[in-house]
Protein backbone atom coordinates (compact mmCIF):
# COMPACT_ATOMS: atom_id res chain seq x y z
CA MET A 1 0.00 0.00 0.00
CA THR A 2 1.31 3.45 -0.89
CA SER A 3 2.02 5.67 2.12
CA PRO A 4 0.29 9.08 2.07
CA LEU A 5 2.21 12.19 1.10
CA ALA A 6 3.74 14.30 3.86
CA LEU A 7 1.90 17.26 2.32
CA LEU A 8 -1.35 15.41 3.07
CA GLY A 9 -0.47 14.27 6.58
CA GLY A 10 1.87 11.35 5.95
CA ARG A 11 5.44 10.75 7.10
CA PRO A 12 8.14 12.40 4.91
CA VAL A 13 10.67 10.31 3.01
CA ARG A 14 13.51 12.31 4.51
CA THR A 15 14.04 14.42 7.63
CA ARG A 16 17.84 14.88 7.63
CA ALA A 17 19.60 17.64 5.73
CA PHE A 18 21.55 17.18 2.51
CA PRO A 19 25.25 18.15 2.44
CA ALA A 20 25.88 21.82 3.22
CA TRP A 21 27.62 24.21 0.83
CA PRO A 22 30.30 25.48 0.73
CA VAL A 23 32.61 22.74 1.98
CA PHE A 24 35.61 24.17 3.83
CA GLY A 25 38.07 23.40 6.59
CA LYS A 26 41.61 23.73 7.88
CA ALA A 27 43.11 24.23 4.40
CA GLU A 28 41.09 27.40 3.75
CA GLU A 29 41.78 28.65 7.26
CA ALA A 30 45.55 28.15 6.93
CA ARG A 31 45.78 29.91 3.56
CA LEU A 32 43.64 32.83 4.72
CA LEU A 33 45.69 33.32 7.87
CA ARG A 34 48.93 33.15 5.91
CA THR A 35 47.63 35.77 3.50
CA LEU A 36 46.39 37.96 6.33
CA ARG A 37 49.73 37.86 8.15
CA SER A 38 51.69 38.49 4.96
CA GLY A 39 50.13 41.93 4.56
CA GLN A 40 50.04 41.27 0.80
CA TRP A 41 46.32 41.39 0.27
CA GLY A 42 46.10 42.61 -3.33
CA ARG A 43 46.71 40.78 -6.61
CA LEU A 44 49.68 43.01 -7.42
CA HIS A 45 51.70 41.96 -4.35
CA GLY A 46 50.77 38.41 -3.34
CA ASP A 47 51.00 35.14 -5.21
CA GLU A 48 47.75 33.30 -4.32
CA VAL A 49 45.83 34.63 -7.33
CA ARG A 50 48.80 34.05 -9.66
CA ARG A 51 49.07 30.43 -8.48
CA PHE A 52 45.36 29.89 -8.81
CA GLU A 53 45.24 31.31 -12.35
CA SER A 54 47.96 28.91 -13.47
CA ARG A 55 46.45 25.88 -11.71
CA PHE A 56 42.88 26.50 -12.86
CA ALA A 57 43.86 27.19 -16.46
CA GLY A 58 45.98 24.04 -16.58
CA MET A 59 43.21 21.91 -15.09
CA HIS A 60 40.88 23.24 -17.80
CA GLY A 61 43.23 22.64 -20.71
CA CYS A 62 44.29 26.25 -21.27
CA ARG A 63 47.57 28.14 -21.27
CA HIS A 64 46.21 31.31 -19.68
CA GLY A 65 43.85 32.28 -16.87
CA ILE A 66 42.91 35.84 -15.91
CA ALA A 67 41.07 36.01 -12.58
CA VAL A 68 38.57 38.85 -12.23
CA SER A 69 36.01 40.22 -9.81
CA ASN A 70 33.04 38.16 -11.03
CA GLY A 71 31.67 36.07 -13.89
CA THR A 72 29.74 38.90 -15.50
CA VAL A 73 32.92 40.93 -15.80
CA SER A 74 34.73 37.96 -17.31
CA LEU A 75 32.14 37.71 -20.09
CA ARG A 76 32.23 41.43 -20.83
CA LEU A 77 36.01 41.64 -20.89
CA ALA A 78 36.24 38.55 -23.10
CA LEU A 79 33.92 40.17 -25.66
CA ILE A 80 35.91 43.40 -25.67
CA ALA A 81 39.28 41.61 -25.78
CA ALA A 82 38.11 39.60 -28.80
CA GLY A 83 37.53 42.82 -30.71
CA VAL A 84 33.77 42.43 -31.18
CA PRO A 85 32.69 45.89 -32.40
CA ALA A 86 30.09 48.13 -30.80
CA GLU A 87 26.47 47.27 -31.68
CA ALA A 88 27.46 43.95 -33.21
CA GLU A 89 25.08 41.04 -32.57
CA VAL A 90 26.00 38.30 -30.10
CA ILE A 91 23.91 35.12 -30.04
CA VAL A 92 22.97 33.88 -26.56
CA PRO A 93 20.45 31.35 -25.22
CA PRO A 94 17.23 32.56 -23.55
CA TYR A 95 17.48 29.94 -20.79
CA THR A 96 20.36 31.14 -18.63
CA PHE A 97 21.10 33.61 -15.87
CA PHE A 98 20.50 37.27 -16.72
CA SER A 99 24.24 38.09 -16.80
CA THR A 100 24.96 36.05 -19.92
CA ALA A 101 22.95 38.62 -21.87
CA SER A 102 23.40 41.70 -19.67
CA ALA A 103 27.19 41.43 -20.07
CA VAL A 104 26.67 41.73 -23.83
CA VAL A 105 24.72 44.97 -23.35
CA GLU A 106 27.39 46.30 -20.97
CA ALA A 107 29.94 45.66 -23.73
CA ASN A 108 27.72 47.85 -25.97
CA MET A 109 26.68 44.90 -28.11
CA ILE A 110 23.26 43.47 -28.99
CA PRO A 111 22.11 40.14 -27.52
CA VAL A 112 20.18 37.99 -30.01
CA PHE A 113 18.33 35.07 -28.48
CA ALA A 114 18.45 31.63 -30.10
CA ASP A 115 16.35 28.87 -28.51
CA ILE A 116 17.64 25.89 -26.58
CA ASP A 117 17.24 22.21 -27.31
CA LEU A 118 14.27 20.85 -25.36
CA ASP A 119 16.12 17.77 -24.15
CA THR A 120 19.63 19.04 -23.36
CA PHE A 121 18.61 22.55 -22.16
CA ASN A 122 21.60 23.91 -24.13
CA LEU A 123 21.81 26.28 -27.08
CA SER A 124 20.48 24.66 -30.27
CA PRO A 125 22.96 24.84 -33.16
CA ALA A 126 20.04 24.92 -35.61
CA ALA A 127 18.59 27.91 -33.74
CA VAL A 128 22.00 29.60 -33.88
CA GLU A 129 22.09 29.22 -37.65
CA ALA A 130 18.57 30.61 -37.94
CA ALA A 131 19.54 33.64 -35.85
CA LEU A 132 22.60 34.60 -37.91
CA THR A 133 22.59 37.96 -39.69
CA PRO A 134 25.32 40.03 -41.36
CA ARG A 135 25.74 41.80 -37.98
CA THR A 136 26.52 38.59 -36.02
CA ARG A 137 30.04 38.57 -34.60
CA ALA A 138 29.98 36.22 -31.61
CA VAL A 139 28.18 33.31 -29.93
CA ILE A 140 28.04 32.57 -26.20
CA PRO A 141 27.00 28.94 -25.63
CA VAL A 142 26.15 28.21 -21.99
CA HIS A 143 27.11 24.82 -20.57
CA PHE A 144 23.86 24.75 -18.69
CA ALA A 145 23.72 22.90 -15.37
CA GLY A 146 27.29 21.72 -16.09
CA GLN A 147 26.70 19.81 -19.32
CA PRO A 148 28.81 21.09 -22.23
CA SER A 149 26.95 22.46 -25.24
CA ASP A 150 27.23 20.89 -28.69
CA MET A 151 30.56 22.61 -29.23
CA ALA A 152 31.54 20.70 -32.40
CA ALA A 153 28.46 22.03 -34.20
CA ILE A 154 28.81 25.53 -32.77
CA MET A 155 32.49 25.76 -33.70
CA ARG A 156 31.67 24.60 -37.26
CA ILE A 157 29.18 27.45 -37.59
CA ALA A 158 31.71 29.88 -36.10
CA ARG A 159 34.44 28.87 -38.55
CA THR A 160 32.11 29.31 -41.49
CA ARG A 161 31.13 32.83 -40.41
CA SER A 162 34.38 33.91 -38.66
CA LEU A 163 32.58 34.27 -35.32
CA VAL A 164 34.11 34.50 -31.86
CA VAL A 165 32.92 31.76 -29.47
CA ILE A 166 32.98 32.49 -25.74
CA GLU A 167 31.94 29.62 -23.50
CA ASP A 168 29.81 30.60 -20.54
CA ALA A 169 31.12 27.89 -18.23
CA ALA A 170 29.75 29.35 -15.00
CA HIS A 171 28.19 25.94 -14.22
CA ALA A 172 30.88 23.77 -15.75
CA HIS A 173 33.95 23.66 -13.51
CA GLY A 174 35.57 20.30 -14.22
CA ALA A 175 33.10 19.28 -16.94
CA ARG A 176 34.45 17.52 -20.03
CA TYR A 177 33.34 17.34 -23.67
CA LYS A 178 34.77 14.43 -25.68
CA ASP A 179 37.37 14.20 -22.89
CA ARG A 180 38.38 17.85 -23.38
CA PRO A 181 37.81 20.24 -20.47
CA ALA A 182 35.07 22.85 -20.61
CA GLY A 183 36.78 26.19 -20.95
CA SER A 184 39.14 24.99 -23.68
CA LEU A 185 36.56 24.45 -26.42
CA GLY A 186 35.96 27.99 -27.75
CA HIS A 187 38.22 30.97 -28.28
CA LEU A 188 37.74 32.13 -24.68
CA ALA A 189 35.69 30.99 -21.71
CA SER A 190 34.16 32.56 -18.63
CA PHE A 191 33.79 30.88 -15.23
CA SER A 192 32.11 32.19 -12.07
CA PHE A 193 33.08 31.65 -8.41
CA GLN A 194 29.89 33.12 -6.93
CA SER A 195 28.74 31.51 -3.70
CA SER A 196 26.48 28.85 -5.23
CA LYS A 197 29.01 27.67 -7.83
CA ASN A 198 30.83 24.32 -7.75
CA LEU A 199 34.08 26.20 -7.09
CA THR A 200 33.55 29.26 -4.92
CA CYS A 201 35.19 32.04 -2.95
CA GLY A 202 31.94 33.98 -2.49
CA GLU A 203 32.41 36.16 -5.58
CA GLY A 204 34.85 36.15 -8.49
CA GLY A 205 35.44 34.82 -11.98
CA ILE A 206 38.11 33.85 -14.47
CA ILE A 207 38.71 34.03 -18.22
CA THR A 208 40.51 31.09 -19.82
CA THR A 209 42.12 30.90 -23.26
CA SER A 210 45.09 29.40 -25.05
CA ASP A 211 45.46 32.40 -27.36
CA ARG A 212 48.30 34.60 -26.13
CA ARG A 213 46.99 37.69 -27.93
CA LEU A 214 43.56 37.35 -26.33
CA ALA A 215 45.10 36.65 -22.93
CA ASP A 216 47.24 39.79 -23.13
CA ALA A 217 44.20 41.86 -24.07
CA CYS A 218 42.22 40.44 -21.13
CA ARG A 219 45.08 41.10 -18.71
CA SER A 220 45.30 44.70 -19.86
CA LEU A 221 41.54 45.20 -19.57
CA HIS A 222 41.40 43.75 -16.05
CA ASN A 223 44.36 45.86 -14.91
CA CYS A 224 43.36 49.45 -15.78
CA GLY A 225 44.59 49.22 -19.38
CA ARG A 226 48.24 48.65 -18.48
CA VAL A 227 50.49 46.64 -20.82
CA PRO A 228 53.59 44.53 -20.10
CA GLY A 229 56.71 46.66 -20.21
CA GLY A 230 54.75 49.90 -20.06
CA VAL A 231 55.12 52.69 -17.54
CA TRP A 232 52.99 51.96 -14.44
CA TYR A 233 50.82 55.05 -14.78
CA GLU A 234 50.37 54.53 -18.50
CA HIS A 235 46.95 53.33 -19.64
CA HIS A 236 46.32 52.12 -23.18
CA THR A 237 42.57 51.52 -23.27
CA VAL A 238 39.34 52.34 -21.46
CA SER A 239 39.27 49.90 -18.58
CA GLY A 240 39.32 49.60 -14.81
CA ASN A 241 40.50 47.49 -11.91
CA TYR A 242 38.75 44.13 -12.17
CA ARG A 243 41.46 42.14 -10.39
CA LEU A 244 40.65 39.36 -7.92
CA GLY A 245 41.99 39.81 -4.36
CA GLU A 246 44.45 37.58 -2.52
CA PHE A 247 41.97 36.45 0.15
CA GLN A 248 39.71 35.11 -2.61
CA GLY A 249 42.71 33.53 -4.32
CA ALA A 250 43.66 31.80 -1.06
CA VAL A 251 40.18 30.28 -0.68
CA LEU A 252 40.10 29.22 -4.33
CA ASN A 253 43.45 27.45 -4.09
CA ALA A 254 42.14 25.39 -1.19
CA GLN A 255 38.81 24.77 -2.90
CA LEU A 256 40.56 23.70 -6.11
CA ASP A 257 42.16 20.79 -4.23
CA ARG A 258 38.64 19.45 -3.64
CA LEU A 259 37.22 20.00 -7.13
CA GLU A 260 38.26 16.78 -8.87
CA ALA A 261 36.81 14.46 -6.25
CA GLN A 262 33.65 16.56 -5.85
CA THR A 263 33.06 16.63 -9.61
CA ASN A 264 33.44 12.86 -9.87
CA THR A 265 30.97 12.41 -6.99
CA ARG A 266 28.39 14.70 -8.60
CA ASP A 267 28.83 13.01 -11.98
CA ARG A 268 28.34 9.53 -10.53
CA ASN A 269 25.34 10.50 -8.43
CA GLY A 270 23.80 12.49 -11.29
CA ARG A 271 24.05 9.50 -13.64
CA ASP A 272 22.44 7.19 -11.09
CA LEU A 273 19.63 9.61 -10.25
CA ALA A 274 18.87 10.29 -13.92
CA ALA A 275 18.58 6.57 -14.63
CA ARG A 276 16.18 6.09 -11.75
CA LEU A 277 13.94 9.09 -12.46
CA SER A 278 13.72 8.50 -16.20
CA ALA A 279 11.81 5.29 -15.43
CA LEU A 280 8.84 7.35 -14.20
CA PRO A 281 6.25 8.54 -16.75
CA GLY A 282 6.60 12.21 -17.62
CA LEU A 283 10.02 12.78 -16.04
CA HIS A 284 12.78 13.73 -18.47
CA PRO A 285 16.19 14.36 -16.88
CA GLN A 286 18.57 16.51 -18.92
CA LYS A 287 19.52 14.34 -21.89
CA ARG A 288 23.20 13.50 -21.80
CA PRO A 289 24.88 13.02 -25.20
CA ALA A 290 27.86 10.70 -25.52
CA SER A 291 30.00 13.81 -26.06
CA CYS A 292 29.51 14.75 -22.39
CA THR A 293 32.25 12.65 -20.84
CA ARG A 294 31.93 14.36 -17.46
CA HIS A 295 28.98 16.41 -16.24
CA SER A 296 29.72 18.82 -13.40
CA TYR A 297 26.05 18.94 -12.28
CA HIS A 298 25.88 22.45 -10.95
CA LEU A 299 22.19 21.62 -11.18
CA PHE A 300 20.32 18.38 -11.66
CA MET A 301 17.76 19.43 -14.27
CA LEU A 302 14.66 17.66 -15.46
CA ARG A 303 11.43 18.35 -17.27
CA LEU A 304 8.18 17.29 -15.64
CA ASP A 305 5.42 16.74 -18.20
CA ALA A 306 2.30 17.14 -16.07
CA ALA A 307 0.03 15.31 -18.50
CA ALA A 308 2.19 12.18 -18.40
CA PHE A 309 3.27 12.42 -14.76
CA GLY A 310 -0.27 13.05 -13.58
CA VAL A 311 0.43 16.10 -11.39
CA PRO A 312 0.99 19.81 -12.14
CA ARG A 313 4.58 20.92 -11.65
CA ALA A 314 3.79 23.39 -8.86
CA ALA A 315 1.97 20.72 -6.82
CA ALA A 316 4.75 18.19 -7.41
CA ILE A 317 7.40 20.65 -6.21
CA GLU A 318 5.41 21.47 -3.08
CA ALA A 319 4.93 17.77 -2.36
CA LEU A 320 8.64 17.02 -2.89
CA ARG A 321 9.65 19.78 -0.50
CA ALA A 322 7.31 18.35 2.12
CA GLU A 323 9.02 14.98 1.63
CA GLY A 324 12.34 16.64 2.52
CA ILE A 325 13.64 17.19 -1.02
CA PRO A 326 14.61 20.84 -1.70
CA CYS A 327 13.78 21.74 -5.30
CA SER A 328 12.51 24.61 -7.40
CA ALA A 329 11.08 25.49 -10.79
CA GLY A 330 14.13 27.59 -11.72
CA TYR A 331 13.63 30.55 -14.04
CA GLY A 332 10.09 31.86 -14.23
CA PHE A 333 10.38 33.15 -17.80
CA SER A 334 12.82 33.35 -20.69
CA LEU A 335 15.33 36.20 -20.86
CA PRO A 336 13.60 38.16 -23.67
CA GLN A 337 10.70 38.64 -21.25
CA GLN A 338 12.91 40.22 -18.58
CA PRO A 339 11.87 43.86 -17.98
CA MET A 340 15.28 45.14 -19.09
CA PHE A 341 14.92 43.55 -22.53
CA ARG A 342 11.19 44.05 -22.89
CA GLU A 343 11.56 47.77 -22.13
CA ARG A 344 15.02 48.12 -23.71
CA ALA A 345 16.28 49.68 -20.48
CA PHE A 346 19.90 49.71 -21.62
CA GLY A 347 21.01 52.85 -19.80
CA PRO A 348 23.92 54.52 -21.63
CA TYR A 349 24.42 51.58 -24.00
CA LEU A 350 23.15 50.82 -27.51
CA HIS A 351 21.69 54.25 -28.25
CA GLY A 352 21.75 53.65 -31.98
CA ALA A 353 20.51 50.06 -31.83
CA ALA A 354 17.81 50.14 -29.16
CA ALA A 355 15.20 51.64 -31.46
CA ARG A 356 15.53 48.81 -33.96
CA THR A 357 15.58 46.06 -31.32
CA ASP A 358 12.28 44.43 -30.38
CA TYR A 359 12.56 41.51 -27.99
CA SER A 360 8.81 40.93 -27.96
CA ARG A 361 9.35 39.17 -31.28
CA ALA A 362 11.88 36.69 -29.90
CA GLU A 363 10.62 33.14 -30.38
CA CYS A 364 11.91 30.69 -27.76
CA PRO A 365 9.21 28.02 -27.42
CA ASN A 366 11.45 25.40 -25.80
CA SER A 367 12.79 27.82 -23.23
CA ASP A 368 9.28 29.16 -22.58
CA LEU A 369 7.88 25.65 -22.02
CA ILE A 370 10.59 24.75 -19.52
CA CYS A 371 10.23 28.04 -17.66
CA ARG A 372 6.46 28.16 -17.49
CA GLU A 373 5.47 24.51 -17.14
CA GLN A 374 8.14 21.84 -16.94
CA GLY A 375 11.50 22.78 -15.39
CA VAL A 376 12.60 21.31 -12.04
CA TRP A 377 15.98 22.03 -10.40
CA LEU A 378 17.91 20.24 -7.68
CA GLU A 379 21.03 22.10 -6.50
CA GLN A 380 24.58 20.79 -6.76
CA ALA A 381 25.33 20.22 -3.06
CA MET A 382 22.62 17.53 -2.94
CA LEU A 383 24.71 15.47 -5.37
CA LEU A 384 27.70 15.47 -3.01
CA GLY A 385 25.88 12.98 -0.82
CA ARG A 386 25.90 9.18 -0.72
CA ARG A 387 23.96 6.68 -2.78
CA ALA A 388 21.38 6.59 0.03
CA ASP A 389 20.73 10.30 -0.50
CA MET A 390 20.04 9.70 -4.20
CA ASP A 391 17.71 6.87 -3.20
CA ASP A 392 15.76 9.29 -1.01
CA ILE A 393 15.36 11.74 -3.89
CA ALA A 394 14.17 8.97 -6.21
CA ARG A 395 11.81 7.52 -3.60
CA ALA A 396 10.24 10.94 -3.06
CA PHE A 397 9.53 11.35 -6.78
CA GLU A 398 8.15 7.81 -6.89
CA LYS A 399 5.96 8.53 -3.89
CA VAL A 400 4.59 11.71 -5.47
CA HIS A 401 3.78 9.82 -8.66
CA ALA A 402 2.13 6.98 -6.75
CA ASN A 403 -0.08 9.55 -4.96
CA ARG A 404 -0.79 11.56 -8.10
CA ALA A 405 -4.58 11.22 -7.87
CA ALA A 406 -4.74 12.54 -4.31
CA LEU A 407 -2.22 15.30 -5.06
CA SER A 408 -4.08 16.40 -8.18
CA GLU A 409 -7.30 16.61 -6.21
CA TRP A 410 -5.54 18.65 -3.50
CA SER A 411 -4.14 20.95 -6.18
CA ARG A 412 -7.55 21.36 -7.82
CA LYS A 413 -9.27 22.21 -4.54
CA ARG A 414 -6.57 24.67 -3.57
CA GLY A 415 -6.91 26.38 -6.95
CA THR A 416 -10.67 26.62 -6.48
CA ARG A 417 -10.23 28.13 -3.00
CA ARG A 418 -7.82 30.72 -4.34
CA LYS A 419 -10.17 31.74 -7.13
CA GLY A 420 -13.15 31.95 -4.80
CA PRO A 421 -16.80 31.59 -5.78
CA ALA A 422 -17.84 32.48 -9.30
């Protein structure tokens, strides 16, 4: 006999917490204290950031790493360093964090939205081709949730049209595509170290590349426009101080020692959980192509088709939370529907282009479907647990499905109460 849902008075599947994030200990403490006592707290005087840049770039298959204040800055500087001209078009997906597109505007360039693939949640190469115009100069594929985009197809398009490709790898620390590290697949890449990310120091980011010319341009841009060999108070381009500090570098060096093992744990648990959940009607975990040889699982993503699963997404999420499984619906709407894009609130940017830009015409049906009806997110720290933790997640989904009739009735009655009498 199926036990009743916790939401409806039953006993929850799980009462203990999942692993906490961030993970830290004596290593972080020792490095921070050493940095504090050194008195060398800035990038220009200490060596923690320098060491981290070299280590991170090498781990991600690149010759150069330029650590900066956050991931948004890393995207913007990469676009400028690549020489993308003002008011050029940059293709981005509509299903990603706001900064992927806002960084384009802050570089005085025009984001053009190309839809994602419904199964992988990543930028669709076919949609990229359909979005190309004579003004297109760059593409920013997002390795969403930690699964690398179809980079072979995207790079083929880029070669044909002489486009710059900048990987948004904010979710993809340690991920691998055809056994090549994320961050080494385009011309440049951007990573974030914001507090939720798989590698974190609270805030921060890094640009990776193997192109010396691009690396030099990024270093100049992140260091007030200075150039190697130049006079210290000599500035060659419009820029600012976007350097990462030594305290952040100290934390990142300690965190980096944990990344390989953590990524392998997430990848293993994510594979197991996807196999279990895909057996339920209407549940579609992020489809993993053979090209994804390691998934970093910043998120465990799935689509919940209410018609097949038997329960509306909102009710399923509420029931899962009551069973002790933290989860969410993720983004509420696609990026073209954000107020900034809908109202073209670009501040001092894109004066000449704003009038001819109309994001109400952007067609992103796959992104819209996932946002409005089907997307479910589980956060990365949950996948750092044991096999028993994955079993609890799967059992909660199975329990919700088994109680779908009762949950649907509860959802219907609640909706009626909210609407009130006719």
